[in-house]
PDB file of all heavy atoms in Angstrom:
ATOM      1  N   PRO A   1      -2.606 -12.201  18.940  1.00  0.00           N
ATOM      2  CA  PRO A   1      -3.259 -13.099  17.987  1.00  0.00           C
ATOM      3  C   PRO A   1      -4.391 -12.378  17.248  1.00  0.00           C
ATOM      4  O   PRO A   1      -5.154 -11.616  17.840  1.00  0.00           O
ATOM      5  CB  PRO A   1      -3.810 -14.216  18.873  1.00  0.00           C
ATOM      6  CG  PRO A   1      -3.006 -14.145  20.134  1.00  0.00           C
ATOM      7  CD  PRO A   1      -2.671 -12.702  20.329  1.00  0.00           C
ATOM      8  N   VAL A   2      -4.484 -12.644  15.952  1.00  0.00           N
ATOM      9  CA  VAL A   2      -5.536 -12.020  15.150  1.00  0.00           C
ATOM     10  C   VAL A   2      -5.957 -12.998  14.061  1.00  0.00           C
ATOM     11  O   VAL A   2      -5.130 -13.733  13.510  1.00  0.00           O
ATOM     12  CB  VAL A   2      -5.067 -10.677  14.547  1.00  0.00           C
ATOM     13  CG1 VAL A   2      -3.943 -10.882  13.534  1.00  0.00           C
ATOM     14  CG2 VAL A   2      -6.217  -9.905  13.933  1.00  0.00           C
ATOM     15  N   GLY A   3      -7.259 -13.038  13.780  1.00  0.00           N
ATOM     16  CA  GLY A   3      -7.786 -13.921  12.755  1.00  0.00           C
ATOM     17  C   GLY A   3      -8.006 -13.201  11.442  1.00  0.00           C
ATOM     18  O   GLY A   3      -8.086 -11.965  11.400  1.00  0.00           O
ATOM     19  N   ALA A   4      -8.110 -13.965  10.366  1.00  0.00           N
ATOM     20  CA  ALA A   4      -8.262 -13.373   9.037  1.00  0.00           C
ATOM     21  C   ALA A   4      -9.515 -12.506   8.933  1.00  0.00           C
ATOM     22  O   ALA A   4      -9.538 -11.521   8.191  1.00  0.00           O
ATOM     23  CB  ALA A   4      -8.294 -14.480   7.982  1.00  0.00           C
ATOM     24  N   HIS A   5     -10.557 -12.849   9.686  1.00  0.00           N
ATOM     25  CA  HIS A   5     -11.807 -12.094   9.625  1.00  0.00           C
ATOM     26  C   HIS A   5     -11.734 -10.787  10.412  1.00  0.00           C
ATOM     27  O   HIS A   5     -12.662  -9.978  10.361  1.00  0.00           O
ATOM     28  CB  HIS A   5     -12.960 -12.941  10.162  1.00  0.00           C
ATOM     29  CG  HIS A   5     -12.815 -13.303  11.604  1.00  0.00           C
ATOM     30  ND1 HIS A   5     -11.877 -14.218  12.056  1.00  0.00           N
ATOM     31  CD2 HIS A   5     -13.477 -12.865  12.716  1.00  0.00           C
ATOM     32  CE1 HIS A   5     -11.971 -14.333  13.365  1.00  0.00           C
ATOM     33  NE2 HIS A   5     -12.929 -13.526  13.793  1.00  0.00           N
ATOM     34  N   GLU A   6     -10.624 -10.567  11.124  1.00  0.00           N
ATOM     35  CA  GLU A   6     -10.496  -9.386  11.986  1.00  0.00           C
ATOM     36  C   GLU A   6      -9.572  -8.318  11.414  1.00  0.00           C
ATOM     37  O   GLU A   6      -9.347  -7.301  12.055  1.00  0.00           O
ATOM     38  CB  GLU A   6      -9.954  -9.806  13.357  1.00  0.00           C
ATOM     39  CG  GLU A   6     -10.815 -10.803  14.104  1.00  0.00           C
ATOM     40  CD  GLU A   6     -10.144 -11.287  15.381  1.00  0.00           C
ATOM     41  OE1 GLU A   6      -9.083 -11.947  15.284  1.00  0.00           O
ATOM     42  OE2 GLU A   6     -10.684 -11.001  16.471  1.00  0.00           O
ATOM     43  N   VAL A   7      -9.005  -8.560  10.237  1.00  0.00           N
ATOM     44  CA  VAL A   7      -7.935  -7.687   9.752  1.00  0.00           C
ATOM     45  C   VAL A   7      -8.366  -6.804   8.590  1.00  0.00           C
ATOM     46  O   VAL A   7      -9.292  -7.112   7.837  1.00  0.00           O
ATOM     47  CB  VAL A   7      -6.702  -8.506   9.322  1.00  0.00           C
ATOM     48  CG1 VAL A   7      -6.171  -9.341  10.485  1.00  0.00           C
ATOM     49  CG2 VAL A   7      -6.993  -9.385   8.107  1.00  0.00           C
ATOM     50  N   ASP A   8      -7.652  -5.688   8.472  1.00  0.00           N
ATOM     51  CA  ASP A   8      -7.583  -4.905   7.244  1.00  0.00           C
ATOM     52  C   ASP A   8      -6.216  -5.187   6.626  1.00  0.00           C
ATOM     53  O   ASP A   8      -5.303  -5.662   7.310  1.00  0.00           O
ATOM     54  CB  ASP A   8      -7.678  -3.409   7.530  1.00  0.00           C
ATOM     55  CG  ASP A   8      -9.071  -2.965   7.929  1.00  0.00           C
ATOM     56  OD1 ASP A   8     -10.026  -3.742   7.734  1.00  0.00           O
ATOM     57  OD2 ASP A   8      -9.197  -1.831   8.455  1.00  0.00           O
ATOM     58  N   ILE A   9      -6.060  -4.875   5.356  1.00  0.00           N
ATOM     59  CA  ILE A   9      -4.748  -4.964   4.714  1.00  0.00           C
ATOM     60  C   ILE A   9      -4.168  -3.550   4.679  1.00  0.00           C
ATOM     61  O   ILE A   9      -4.756  -2.638   4.100  1.00  0.00           O
ATOM     62  CB  ILE A   9      -4.843  -5.539   3.294  1.00  0.00           C
ATOM     63  CG1 ILE A   9      -5.590  -6.873   3.302  1.00  0.00           C
ATOM     64  CG2 ILE A   9      -3.451  -5.705   2.700  1.00  0.00           C
ATOM     65  CD1 ILE A   9      -4.953  -7.941   4.185  1.00  0.00           C
ATOM     66  N   ASP A  10      -3.018  -3.395   5.325  1.00  0.00           N
ATOM     67  CA  ASP A  10      -2.421  -2.065   5.467  1.00  0.00           C
ATOM     68  C   ASP A  10      -1.277  -1.859   4.491  1.00  0.00           C
ATOM     69  O   ASP A  10      -0.479  -2.765   4.241  1.00  0.00           O
ATOM     70  CB  ASP A  10      -1.887  -1.884   6.893  1.00  0.00           C
ATOM     71  CG  ASP A  10      -1.273  -0.508   7.098  1.00  0.00           C
ATOM     72  OD1 ASP A  10      -1.949   0.489   6.771  1.00  0.00           O
ATOM     73  OD2 ASP A  10      -0.119  -0.429   7.567  1.00  0.00           O
ATOM     74  N   HIS A  11      -1.205  -0.651   3.939  1.00  0.00           N
ATOM     75  CA  HIS A  11      -0.019  -0.226   3.200  1.00  0.00           C
ATOM     76  C   HIS A  11       0.959   0.355   4.225  1.00  0.00           C
ATOM     77  O   HIS A  11       0.668   1.381   4.850  1.00  0.00           O
ATOM     78  CB  HIS A  11      -0.369   0.830   2.159  1.00  0.00           C
ATOM     79  CG  HIS A  11      -1.144   0.295   0.997  1.00  0.00           C
ATOM     80  ND1 HIS A  11      -2.521   0.158   1.021  1.00  0.00           N
ATOM     81  CD2 HIS A  11      -0.733  -0.166  -0.220  1.00  0.00           C
ATOM     82  CE1 HIS A  11      -2.921  -0.346  -0.141  1.00  0.00           C
ATOM     83  NE2 HIS A  11      -1.863  -0.558  -0.901  1.00  0.00           N
ATOM     84  N   ILE A  12       2.076  -0.304   4.412  1.00  0.00           N
ATOM     85  CA  ILE A  12       3.060   0.147   5.407  1.00  0.00           C
ATOM     86  C   ILE A  12       3.445   1.601   5.127  1.00  0.00           C
ATOM     87  O   ILE A  12       3.408   2.447   6.019  1.00  0.00           O
ATOM     88  CB  ILE A  12       4.297  -0.773   5.387  1.00  0.00           C
ATOM     89  CG1 ILE A  12       3.900  -2.194   5.773  1.00  0.00           C
ATOM     90  CG2 ILE A  12       5.374  -0.233   6.334  1.00  0.00           C
ATOM     91  CD1 ILE A  12       4.999  -3.221   5.540  1.00  0.00           C
ATOM     92  N   TYR A  13       3.847   1.884   3.912  1.00  0.00           N
ATOM     93  CA  TYR A  13       4.068   3.268   3.481  1.00  0.00           C
ATOM     94  C   TYR A  13       2.729   3.720   2.902  1.00  0.00           C
ATOM     95  O   TYR A  13       2.342   3.305   1.819  1.00  0.00           O
ATOM     96  CB  TYR A  13       5.170   3.321   2.423  1.00  0.00           C
ATOM     97  CG  TYR A  13       5.795   4.681   2.183  1.00  0.00           C
ATOM     98  CD1 TYR A  13       7.164   4.878   2.355  1.00  0.00           C
ATOM     99  CD2 TYR A  13       5.037   5.775   1.761  1.00  0.00           C
ATOM    100  CE1 TYR A  13       7.748   6.115   2.127  1.00  0.00           C
ATOM    101  CE2 TYR A  13       5.607   7.007   1.531  1.00  0.00           C
ATOM    102  CZ  TYR A  13       6.975   7.171   1.709  1.00  0.00           C
ATOM    103  OH  TYR A  13       7.551   8.405   1.472  1.00  0.00           O
ATOM    104  N   PRO A  14       1.982   4.550   3.620  1.00  0.00           N
ATOM    105  CA  PRO A  14       0.602   4.853   3.229  1.00  0.00           C
ATOM    106  C   PRO A  14       0.495   5.453   1.825  1.00  0.00           C
ATOM    107  O   PRO A  14       1.382   6.178   1.373  1.00  0.00           O
ATOM    108  CB  PRO A  14       0.145   5.854   4.293  1.00  0.00           C
ATOM    109  CG  PRO A  14       1.043   5.605   5.466  1.00  0.00           C
ATOM    110  CD  PRO A  14       2.361   5.226   4.876  1.00  0.00           C
ATOM    111  N   LEU A  15      -0.605   5.151   1.164  1.00  0.00           N
ATOM    112  CA  LEU A  15      -0.821   5.671  -0.177  1.00  0.00           C
ATOM    113  C   LEU A  15      -0.814   7.198  -0.204  1.00  0.00           C
ATOM    114  O   LEU A  15      -0.208   7.810  -1.086  1.00  0.00           O
ATOM    115  CB  LEU A  15      -2.154   5.152  -0.729  1.00  0.00           C
ATOM    116  CG  LEU A  15      -2.306   3.638  -0.889  1.00  0.00           C
ATOM    117  CD1 LEU A  15      -3.706   3.313  -1.410  1.00  0.00           C
ATOM    118  CD2 LEU A  15      -1.242   3.066  -1.802  1.00  0.00           C
ATOM    119  N   ALA A  16      -1.498   7.807   0.757  1.00  0.00           N
ATOM    120  CA  ALA A  16      -1.561   9.272   0.779  1.00  0.00           C
ATOM    121  C   ALA A  16      -0.186   9.885   1.014  1.00  0.00           C
ATOM    122  O   ALA A  16       0.157  10.922   0.432  1.00  0.00           O
ATOM    123  CB  ALA A  16      -2.542   9.747   1.847  1.00  0.00           C
ATOM    124  N   ALA A  17       0.617   9.238   1.870  1.00  0.00           N
ATOM    125  CA  ALA A  17       1.981   9.728   2.105  1.00  0.00           C
ATOM    126  C   ALA A  17       2.813   9.574   0.839  1.00  0.00           C
ATOM    127  O   ALA A  17       3.598  10.466   0.477  1.00  0.00           O
ATOM    128  CB  ALA A  17       2.619   8.978   3.264  1.00  0.00           C
ATOM    129  N   ALA A  18       2.660   8.429   0.157  1.00  0.00           N
ATOM    130  CA  ALA A  18       3.395   8.220  -1.089  1.00  0.00           C
ATOM    131  C   ALA A  18       3.037   9.293  -2.114  1.00  0.00           C
ATOM    132  O   ALA A  18       3.913   9.823  -2.813  1.00  0.00           O
ATOM    133  CB  ALA A  18       3.094   6.827  -1.652  1.00  0.00           C
ATOM    134  N   TRP A  19       1.756   9.617  -2.188  1.00  0.00           N
ATOM    135  CA  TRP A  19       1.317  10.674  -3.112  1.00  0.00           C
ATOM    136  C   TRP A  19       2.039  11.978  -2.796  1.00  0.00           C
ATOM    137  O   TRP A  19       2.595  12.635  -3.673  1.00  0.00           O
ATOM    138  CB  TRP A  19      -0.195  10.842  -3.007  1.00  0.00           C
ATOM    139  CG  TRP A  19      -0.761  11.932  -3.876  1.00  0.00           C
ATOM    140  CD1 TRP A  19      -0.972  13.235  -3.521  1.00  0.00           C
ATOM    141  CD2 TRP A  19      -1.184  11.813  -5.240  1.00  0.00           C
ATOM    142  NE1 TRP A  19      -1.509  13.949  -4.576  1.00  0.00           N
ATOM    143  CE2 TRP A  19      -1.642  13.096  -5.643  1.00  0.00           C
ATOM    144  CE3 TRP A  19      -1.216  10.760  -6.148  1.00  0.00           C
ATOM    145  CZ2 TRP A  19      -2.134  13.337  -6.932  1.00  0.00           C
ATOM    146  CZ3 TRP A  19      -1.713  11.003  -7.441  1.00  0.00           C
ATOM    147  CH2 TRP A  19      -2.160  12.275  -7.805  1.00  0.00           C
ATOM    148  N   ASP A  20       2.031  12.360  -1.523  1.00  0.00           N
ATOM    149  CA  ASP A  20       2.661  13.617  -1.122  1.00  0.00           C
ATOM    150  C   ASP A  20       4.165  13.621  -1.390  1.00  0.00           C
ATOM    151  O   ASP A  20       4.743  14.654  -1.779  1.00  0.00           O
ATOM    152  CB  ASP A  20       2.429  13.873   0.368  1.00  0.00           C
ATOM    153  CG  ASP A  20       0.999  14.281   0.689  1.00  0.00           C
ATOM    154  OD1 ASP A  20       0.259  14.660  -0.245  1.00  0.00           O
ATOM    155  OD2 ASP A  20       0.616  14.220   1.870  1.00  0.00           O
ATOM    156  N   PHE A  21       4.803  12.468  -1.190  1.00  0.00           N
ATOM    157  CA  PHE A  21       6.256  12.394  -1.301  1.00  0.00           C
ATOM    158  C   PHE A  21       6.751  12.121  -2.725  1.00  0.00           C
ATOM    159  O   PHE A  21       7.953  11.971  -2.927  1.00  0.00           O
ATOM    160  CB  PHE A  21       6.808  11.328  -0.360  1.00  0.00           C
ATOM    161  CG  PHE A  21       6.970  11.787   1.066  1.00  0.00           C
ATOM    162  CD1 PHE A  21       6.231  11.196   2.087  1.00  0.00           C
ATOM    163  CD2 PHE A  21       7.859  12.801   1.397  1.00  0.00           C
ATOM    164  CE1 PHE A  21       6.384  11.604   3.408  1.00  0.00           C
ATOM    165  CE2 PHE A  21       8.014  13.210   2.712  1.00  0.00           C
ATOM    166  CZ  PHE A  21       7.277  12.612   3.717  1.00  0.00           C
ATOM    167  N   GLY A  22       5.851  12.061  -3.696  1.00  0.00           N
ATOM    168  CA  GLY A  22       6.328  11.927  -5.065  1.00  0.00           C
ATOM    169  C   GLY A  22       5.484  11.097  -6.000  1.00  0.00           C
ATOM    170  O   GLY A  22       5.629  11.204  -7.223  1.00  0.00           O
ATOM    171  N   ALA A  23       4.584  10.249  -5.473  1.00  0.00           N
ATOM    172  CA  ALA A  23       3.801   9.379  -6.353  1.00  0.00           C
ATOM    173  C   ALA A  23       2.803  10.157  -7.200  1.00  0.00           C
ATOM    174  O   ALA A  23       2.293   9.624  -8.195  1.00  0.00           O
ATOM    175  CB  ALA A  23       3.064   8.312  -5.534  1.00  0.00           C
ATOM    176  N   TYR A  24       2.531  11.411  -6.828  1.00  0.00           N
ATOM    177  CA  TYR A  24       1.659  12.248  -7.653  1.00  0.00           C
ATOM    178  C   TYR A  24       2.208  12.374  -9.066  1.00  0.00           C
ATOM    179  O   TYR A  24       1.467  12.593 -10.031  1.00  0.00           O
ATOM    180  CB  TYR A  24       1.504  13.647  -7.026  1.00  0.00           C
ATOM    181  CG  TYR A  24       2.766  14.461  -7.113  1.00  0.00           C
ATOM    182  CD1 TYR A  24       3.046  15.253  -8.215  1.00  0.00           C
ATOM    183  CD2 TYR A  24       3.720  14.395  -6.100  1.00  0.00           C
ATOM    184  CE1 TYR A  24       4.227  15.972  -8.311  1.00  0.00           C
ATOM    185  CE2 TYR A  24       4.894  15.100  -6.183  1.00  0.00           C
ATOM    186  CZ  TYR A  24       5.149  15.889  -7.288  1.00  0.00           C
ATOM    187  OH  TYR A  24       6.332  16.588  -7.377  1.00  0.00           O
ATOM    188  N   ALA A  25       3.526  12.264  -9.225  1.00  0.00           N
ATOM    189  CA  ALA A  25       4.165  12.443 -10.526  1.00  0.00           C
ATOM    190  C   ALA A  25       4.380  11.119 -11.268  1.00  0.00           C
ATOM    191  O   ALA A  25       4.873  11.116 -12.390  1.00  0.00           O
ATOM    192  CB  ALA A  25       5.513  13.147 -10.344  1.00  0.00           C
ATOM    193  N   TRP A  26       4.029   9.981 -10.648  1.00  0.00           N
ATOM    194  CA  TRP A  26       4.198   8.688 -11.312  1.00  0.00           C
ATOM    195  C   TRP A  26       3.112   8.477 -12.363  1.00  0.00           C
ATOM    196  O   TRP A  26       2.028   9.069 -12.286  1.00  0.00           O
ATOM    197  CB  TRP A  26       4.090   7.554 -10.302  1.00  0.00           C
ATOM    198  CG  TRP A  26       5.184   7.489  -9.288  1.00  0.00           C
ATOM    199  CD1 TRP A  26       6.335   8.213  -9.261  1.00  0.00           C
ATOM    200  CD2 TRP A  26       5.215   6.640  -8.129  1.00  0.00           C
ATOM    201  NE1 TRP A  26       7.094   7.874  -8.169  1.00  0.00           N
ATOM    202  CE2 TRP A  26       6.436   6.908  -7.462  1.00  0.00           C
ATOM    203  CE3 TRP A  26       4.350   5.682  -7.605  1.00  0.00           C
ATOM    204  CZ2 TRP A  26       6.791   6.250  -6.280  1.00  0.00           C
ATOM    205  CZ3 TRP A  26       4.698   5.026  -6.435  1.00  0.00           C
ATOM    206  CH2 TRP A  26       5.908   5.304  -5.792  1.00  0.00           C
ATOM    207  N   ASP A  27       3.402   7.585 -13.300  1.00  0.00           N
ATOM    208  CA  ASP A  27       2.341   7.194 -14.226  1.00  0.00           C
ATOM    209  C   ASP A  27       1.415   6.183 -13.540  1.00  0.00           C
ATOM    210  O   ASP A  27       1.720   5.664 -12.461  1.00  0.00           O
ATOM    211  CB  ASP A  27       2.907   6.653 -15.535  1.00  0.00           C
ATOM    212  CG  ASP A  27       3.747   5.389 -15.377  1.00  0.00           C
ATOM    213  OD1 ASP A  27       3.470   4.579 -14.475  1.00  0.00           O
ATOM    214  OD2 ASP A  27       4.693   5.214 -16.176  1.00  0.00           O
ATOM    215  N   SER A  28       0.281   5.916 -14.166  1.00  0.00           N
ATOM    216  CA  SER A  28      -0.734   5.088 -13.531  1.00  0.00           C
ATOM    217  C   SER A  28      -0.254   3.665 -13.283  1.00  0.00           C
ATOM    218  O   SER A  28      -0.640   3.044 -12.285  1.00  0.00           O
ATOM    219  CB  SER A  28      -2.011   5.075 -14.380  1.00  0.00           C
ATOM    220  OG  SER A  28      -1.745   4.576 -15.679  1.00  0.00           O
ATOM    221  N   GLU A  29       0.581   3.126 -14.145  1.00  0.00           N
ATOM    222  CA  GLU A  29       1.055   1.764 -13.966  1.00  0.00           C
ATOM    223  C   GLU A  29       1.976   1.646 -12.756  1.00  0.00           C
ATOM    224  O   GLU A  29       1.873   0.680 -11.989  1.00  0.00           O
ATOM    225  CB  GLU A  29       1.791   1.287 -15.222  1.00  0.00           C
ATOM    226  CG  GLU A  29       2.409  -0.097 -15.123  1.00  0.00           C
ATOM    227  CD  GLU A  29       1.417  -1.210 -14.813  1.00  0.00           C
ATOM    228  OE1 GLU A  29       0.191  -1.022 -15.010  1.00  0.00           O
ATOM    229  OE2 GLU A  29       1.863  -2.291 -14.363  1.00  0.00           O
ATOM    230  N   ARG A  30       2.843   2.618 -12.560  1.00  0.00           N
ATOM    231  CA  ARG A  30       3.733   2.578 -11.394  1.00  0.00           C
ATOM    232  C   ARG A  30       2.911   2.715 -10.108  1.00  0.00           C
ATOM    233  O   ARG A  30       3.183   2.033  -9.115  1.00  0.00           O
ATOM    234  CB  ARG A  30       4.788   3.679 -11.478  1.00  0.00           C
ATOM    235  CG  ARG A  30       5.805   3.640 -10.328  1.00  0.00           C
ATOM    236  CD  ARG A  30       6.983   4.558 -10.619  1.00  0.00           C
ATOM    237  NE  ARG A  30       7.920   4.645  -9.505  1.00  0.00           N
ATOM    238  CZ  ARG A  30       8.866   3.746  -9.235  1.00  0.00           C
ATOM    239  NH1 ARG A  30       8.991   2.678 -10.006  1.00  0.00           N
ATOM    240  NH2 ARG A  30       9.674   3.909  -8.205  1.00  0.00           N
ATOM    241  N   ARG A  31       1.915   3.572 -10.110  1.00  0.00           N
ATOM    242  CA  ARG A  31       1.065   3.698  -8.925  1.00  0.00           C
ATOM    243  C   ARG A  31       0.313   2.400  -8.666  1.00  0.00           C
ATOM    244  O   ARG A  31       0.148   1.985  -7.512  1.00  0.00           O
ATOM    245  CB  ARG A  31       0.102   4.878  -9.071  1.00  0.00           C
ATOM    246  CG  ARG A  31       0.758   6.230  -8.842  1.00  0.00           C
ATOM    247  CD  ARG A  31      -0.273   7.309  -8.552  1.00  0.00           C
ATOM    248  NE  ARG A  31      -1.115   7.597  -9.687  1.00  0.00           N
ATOM    249  CZ  ARG A  31      -0.893   8.559 -10.575  1.00  0.00           C
ATOM    250  NH1 ARG A  31       0.181   9.324 -10.452  1.00  0.00           N
ATOM    251  NH2 ARG A  31      -1.726   8.762 -11.573  1.00  0.00           N
ATOM    252  N   ARG A  32      -0.165   1.737  -9.719  1.00  0.00           N
ATOM    253  CA  ARG A  32      -0.866   0.463  -9.548  1.00  0.00           C
ATOM    254  C   ARG A  32       0.064  -0.584  -8.934  1.00  0.00           C
ATOM    255  O   ARG A  32      -0.336  -1.324  -8.020  1.00  0.00           O
ATOM    256  CB  ARG A  32      -1.387  -0.046 -10.896  1.00  0.00           C
ATOM    257  CG  ARG A  32      -2.244  -1.308 -10.793  1.00  0.00           C
ATOM    258  CD  ARG A  32      -2.443  -1.969 -12.147  1.00  0.00           C
ATOM    259  NE  ARG A  32      -1.177  -2.481 -12.670  1.00  0.00           N
ATOM    260  CZ  ARG A  32      -0.615  -3.616 -12.263  1.00  0.00           C
ATOM    261  NH1 ARG A  32      -1.186  -4.358 -11.325  1.00  0.00           N
ATOM    262  NH2 ARG A  32       0.525  -4.012 -12.787  1.00  0.00           N
ATOM    263  N   GLN A  33       1.288  -0.649  -9.407  1.00  0.00           N
ATOM    264  CA  GLN A  33       2.241  -1.612  -8.870  1.00  0.00           C
ATOM    265  C   GLN A  33       2.536  -1.332  -7.397  1.00  0.00           C
ATOM    266  O   GLN A  33       2.618  -2.252  -6.582  1.00  0.00           O
ATOM    267  CB  GLN A  33       3.531  -1.581  -9.691  1.00  0.00           C
ATOM    268  CG  GLN A  33       3.371  -2.115 -11.100  1.00  0.00           C
ATOM    269  CD  GLN A  33       4.638  -1.963 -11.932  1.00  0.00           C
ATOM    270  OE1 GLN A  33       5.660  -1.451 -11.469  1.00  0.00           O
ATOM    271  NE2 GLN A  33       4.577  -2.403 -13.180  1.00  0.00           N
ATOM    272  N   PHE A  34       2.679  -0.065  -7.053  1.00  0.00           N
ATOM    273  CA  PHE A  34       2.918   0.308  -5.656  1.00  0.00           C
ATOM    274  C   PHE A  34       1.716  -0.053  -4.787  1.00  0.00           C
ATOM    275  O   PHE A  34       1.875  -0.610  -3.688  1.00  0.00           O
ATOM    276  CB  PHE A  34       3.208   1.809  -5.559  1.00  0.00           C
ATOM    277  CG  PHE A  34       3.418   2.293  -4.154  1.00  0.00           C
ATOM    278  CD1 PHE A  34       4.654   2.170  -3.539  1.00  0.00           C
ATOM    279  CD2 PHE A  34       2.373   2.879  -3.440  1.00  0.00           C
ATOM    280  CE1 PHE A  34       4.851   2.610  -2.234  1.00  0.00           C
ATOM    281  CE2 PHE A  34       2.566   3.325  -2.138  1.00  0.00           C
ATOM    282  CZ  PHE A  34       3.804   3.187  -1.537  1.00  0.00           C
ATOM    283  N   GLY A  35       0.533   0.253  -5.257  1.00  0.00           N
ATOM    284  CA  GLY A  35      -0.671  -0.003  -4.480  1.00  0.00           C
ATOM    285  C   GLY A  35      -0.948  -1.474  -4.242  1.00  0.00           C
ATOM    286  O   GLY A  35      -1.713  -1.824  -3.339  1.00  0.00           O
ATOM    287  N   ASN A  36      -0.326  -2.345  -5.044  1.00  0.00           N
ATOM    288  CA  ASN A  36      -0.551  -3.786  -4.942  1.00  0.00           C
ATOM    289  C   ASN A  36       0.740  -4.553  -4.685  1.00  0.00           C
ATOM    290  O   ASN A  36       0.865  -5.723  -5.055  1.00  0.00           O
ATOM    291  CB  ASN A  36      -1.225  -4.289  -6.219  1.00  0.00           C
ATOM    292  CG  ASN A  36      -2.609  -3.719  -6.411  1.00  0.00           C
ATOM    293  OD1 ASN A  36      -3.584  -4.223  -5.874  1.00  0.00           O
ATOM    294  ND2 ASN A  36      -2.706  -2.637  -7.164  1.00  0.00           N
ATOM    295  N   ASP A  37       1.689  -3.911  -4.012  1.00  0.00           N
ATOM    296  CA  ASP A  37       2.996  -4.514  -3.735  1.00  0.00           C
ATOM    297  C   ASP A  37       2.886  -5.495  -2.564  1.00  0.00           C
ATOM    298  O   ASP A  37       3.109  -5.142  -1.409  1.00  0.00           O
ATOM    299  CB  ASP A  37       4.017  -3.419  -3.431  1.00  0.00           C
ATOM    300  CG  ASP A  37       5.407  -3.971  -3.147  1.00  0.00           C
ATOM    301  OD1 ASP A  37       5.608  -5.194  -3.283  1.00  0.00           O
ATOM    302  OD2 ASP A  37       6.292  -3.177  -2.776  1.00  0.00           O
ATOM    303  N   ILE A  38       2.546  -6.745  -2.888  1.00  0.00           N
ATOM    304  CA  ILE A  38       2.346  -7.760  -1.858  1.00  0.00           C
ATOM    305  C   ILE A  38       3.646  -8.082  -1.135  1.00  0.00           C
ATOM    306  O   ILE A  38       3.664  -8.286   0.086  1.00  0.00           O
ATOM    307  CB  ILE A  38       1.764  -9.039  -2.492  1.00  0.00           C
ATOM    308  CG1 ILE A  38       0.363  -8.763  -3.058  1.00  0.00           C
ATOM    309  CG2 ILE A  38       1.710 -10.181  -1.478  1.00  0.00           C
ATOM    310  CD1 ILE A  38      -0.201  -9.928  -3.850  1.00  0.00           C
ATOM    311  N   GLU A  39       4.745  -8.122  -1.848  1.00  0.00           N
ATOM    312  CA  GLU A  39       6.007  -8.566  -1.276  1.00  0.00           C
ATOM    313  C   GLU A  39       6.558  -7.619  -0.219  1.00  0.00           C
ATOM    314  O   GLU A  39       7.174  -8.058   0.750  1.00  0.00           O
ATOM    315  CB  GLU A  39       7.049  -8.746  -2.386  1.00  0.00           C
ATOM    316  CG  GLU A  39       6.728  -9.871  -3.365  1.00  0.00           C
ATOM    317  CD  GLU A  39       7.812 -10.031  -4.412  1.00  0.00           C
ATOM    318  OE1 GLU A  39       8.768  -9.234  -4.399  1.00  0.00           O
ATOM    319  OE2 GLU A  39       7.691 -10.945  -5.245  1.00  0.00           O
ATOM    320  N   THR A  40       6.328  -6.319  -0.385  1.00  0.00           N
ATOM    321  CA  THR A  40       7.014  -5.348   0.466  1.00  0.00           C
ATOM    322  C   THR A  40       6.092  -4.473   1.293  1.00  0.00           C
ATOM    323  O   THR A  40       6.388  -4.182   2.455  1.00  0.00           O
ATOM    324  CB  THR A  40       7.905  -4.422  -0.398  1.00  0.00           C
ATOM    325  OG1 THR A  40       8.653  -5.201  -1.325  1.00  0.00           O
ATOM    326  CG2 THR A  40       8.868  -3.614   0.481  1.00  0.00           C
ATOM    327  N   ASN A  41       4.965  -4.054   0.726  1.00  0.00           N
ATOM    328  CA  ASN A  41       4.227  -2.954   1.342  1.00  0.00           C
ATOM    329  C   ASN A  41       2.861  -3.322   1.915  1.00  0.00           C
ATOM    330  O   ASN A  41       2.169  -2.446   2.430  1.00  0.00           O
ATOM    331  CB  ASN A  41       4.041  -1.814   0.319  1.00  0.00           C
ATOM    332  CG  ASN A  41       3.677  -0.500   0.971  1.00  0.00           C
ATOM    333  OD1 ASN A  41       4.065  -0.228   2.108  1.00  0.00           O
ATOM    334  ND2 ASN A  41       2.941   0.331   0.254  1.00  0.00           N
ATOM    335  N   LEU A  42       2.456  -4.583   1.847  1.00  0.00           N
ATOM    336  CA  LEU A  42       1.118  -4.947   2.311  1.00  0.00           C
ATOM    337  C   LEU A  42       1.186  -5.991   3.419  1.00  0.00           C
ATOM    338  O   LEU A  42       1.827  -7.036   3.261  1.00  0.00           O
ATOM    339  CB  LEU A  42       0.284  -5.495   1.144  1.00  0.00           C
ATOM    340  CG  LEU A  42      -0.101  -4.470   0.075  1.00  0.00           C
ATOM    341  CD1 LEU A  42      -0.741  -5.165  -1.119  1.00  0.00           C
ATOM    342  CD2 LEU A  42      -1.032  -3.415   0.638  1.00  0.00           C
ATOM    343  N   VAL A  43       0.536  -5.702   4.539  1.00  0.00           N
ATOM    344  CA  VAL A  43       0.476  -6.640   5.664  1.00  0.00           C
ATOM    345  C   VAL A  43      -0.934  -6.609   6.263  1.00  0.00           C
ATOM    346  O   VAL A  43      -1.610  -5.580   6.224  1.00  0.00           O
ATOM    347  CB  VAL A  43       1.503  -6.311   6.773  1.00  0.00           C
ATOM    348  CG1 VAL A  43       2.930  -6.413   6.252  1.00  0.00           C
ATOM    349  CG2 VAL A  43       1.247  -4.935   7.364  1.00  0.00           C
ATOM    350  N   PRO A  44      -1.378  -7.738   6.840  1.00  0.00           N
ATOM    351  CA  PRO A  44      -2.655  -7.731   7.548  1.00  0.00           C
ATOM    352  C   PRO A  44      -2.450  -7.244   8.983  1.00  0.00           C
ATOM    353  O   PRO A  44      -1.464  -7.591   9.634  1.00  0.00           O
ATOM    354  CB  PRO A  44      -3.062  -9.207   7.527  1.00  0.00           C
ATOM    355  CG  PRO A  44      -1.764  -9.956   7.541  1.00  0.00           C
ATOM    356  CD  PRO A  44      -0.775  -9.091   6.797  1.00  0.00           C
ATOM    357  N   THR A  45      -3.341  -6.438   9.463  1.00  0.00           N
ATOM    358  CA  THR A  45      -3.315  -6.017  10.865  1.00  0.00           C
ATOM    359  C   THR A  45      -4.743  -5.788  11.326  1.00  0.00           C
ATOM    360  O   THR A  45      -5.642  -5.554  10.516  1.00  0.00           O
ATOM    361  CB  THR A  45      -2.466  -4.747  11.056  1.00  0.00           C
ATOM    362  OG1 THR A  45      -2.324  -4.460  12.461  1.00  0.00           O
ATOM    363  CG2 THR A  45      -3.100  -3.536  10.385  1.00  0.00           C
TER     364      THR A  45
END
């Protein structure tokens, strides 16, 4: 069990890993969309 006041929002596929694996070559809009992907890549933990 965890409460809303106890969590961080995690990127399942980490931003730094995404950068290394190819996001360095994306345009800024694609990186923004990835960084704020609520449906797939963001969870509270």
